[in-house]
């Protein structure tokens, strides 16, 4: 996969995750996607592919999703 397609895929997947998080929907699915994206980002970094702030965004979204799952499991949220 070339650099442009990789960056476009990561960006698109992050946007999908962000939309799900806004609705607090399918959080387990979002966590799984974000875990895969973080792994993909790590590989891209090893290949010296410039990702801008995509890594930070992925990690922030992962933290947010993880926190929401924990809160929902504890019955605090909704």
Protein backbone atom coordinates (compact mmCIF):
# COMPACT_ATOMS: atom_id res chain seq x y z
CA UNK A 1 0.00 0.00 0.00
CA UNK A 2 1.49 3.34 -0.96
CA UNK A 3 1.87 6.21 1.49
CA UNK A 4 -1.07 8.28 0.26
CA UNK A 5 -3.49 5.34 0.41
CA UNK A 6 -2.23 4.36 3.86
CA UNK A 7 -2.68 7.86 5.24
CA UNK A 8 -6.13 8.12 3.62
CA UNK A 9 -7.18 4.77 5.15
CA UNK A 10 -5.96 5.72 8.61
CA UNK A 11 -7.67 9.12 8.38
CA UNK A 12 -10.94 7.61 7.18
CA UNK A 13 -10.95 4.95 9.90
CA UNK A 14 -10.19 7.53 12.58
CA UNK A 15 -13.10 9.67 11.35
CA UNK A 16 -15.43 6.66 11.52
CA UNK A 17 -14.30 5.93 15.07
CA UNK A 18 -14.78 9.55 16.03
CA UNK A 19 -18.37 9.50 14.75
CA UNK A 20 -19.17 6.34 16.70
CA UNK A 21 -17.67 7.89 19.81
CA UNK A 22 -19.82 11.00 19.42
CA UNK A 23 -22.86 8.73 19.52
CA UNK A 24 -21.30 6.45 22.13
CA UNK A 25 -22.16 3.50 19.89
CA UNK A 26 -20.39 0.23 19.15
CA UNK A 27 -17.56 1.03 21.53
CA UNK A 28 -16.07 -2.48 21.55
CA UNK A 29 -15.89 -2.31 17.75
CA UNK A 30 -14.30 1.15 17.94
CA UNK A 31 -11.67 -0.09 20.40
CA UNK A 32 -10.78 -2.97 18.07
CA UNK A 33 -10.44 -0.65 15.07
CA UNK A 34 -8.28 1.75 17.07
CA UNK A 35 -6.03 -1.06 18.31
CA UNK A 36 -5.48 -2.14 14.71
CA UNK A 37 -4.86 1.46 13.63
CA UNK A 38 -2.32 2.03 16.38
CA UNK A 39 -0.47 -1.11 15.24
CA UNK A 40 -0.62 0.12 11.63
CA UNK A 41 0.66 3.54 12.69
CA UNK A 42 3.59 1.91 14.51
CA UNK A 43 4.49 0.02 11.33
CA UNK A 44 4.20 3.20 9.27
CA UNK A 45 6.52 5.00 11.69
CA UNK A 46 9.11 2.25 11.23
CA UNK A 47 8.84 2.85 7.48
CA UNK A 48 9.36 6.60 8.08
CA UNK A 49 5.95 7.47 6.64
CA UNK A 50 4.96 10.97 7.82
CA UNK A 51 1.65 10.74 9.67
CA UNK A 52 1.32 14.21 11.15
CA UNK A 53 -1.00 14.15 14.15
CA UNK A 54 -2.73 10.87 13.24
CA UNK A 55 -0.92 8.92 15.95
CA UNK A 56 -1.95 11.39 18.64
CA UNK A 57 -5.55 11.40 17.39
CA UNK A 58 -5.68 7.58 17.42
CA UNK A 59 -4.34 7.39 20.95
CA UNK A 60 -6.74 10.08 22.21
CA UNK A 61 -9.72 8.36 20.61
CA UNK A 62 -8.60 5.03 22.07
CA UNK A 63 -8.36 6.56 25.54
CA UNK A 64 -11.79 8.15 25.16
CA UNK A 65 -13.39 4.90 23.98
CA UNK A 66 -11.72 2.92 26.74
CA UNK A 67 -12.93 5.38 29.35
CA UNK A 68 -16.49 5.30 28.01
CA UNK A 69 -16.52 1.49 28.09
CA UNK A 70 -15.33 1.53 31.69
CA UNK A 71 -17.92 4.08 32.72
CA UNK A 72 -20.73 2.20 31.02
CA UNK A 73 -19.63 -1.07 32.62
CA UNK A 74 -19.66 0.63 36.02
CA UNK A 75 -23.16 1.98 35.39
CA UNK A 76 -22.07 5.61 35.72
CA UNK A 77 -22.82 6.55 32.14
CA UNK A 78 -26.42 6.32 30.88
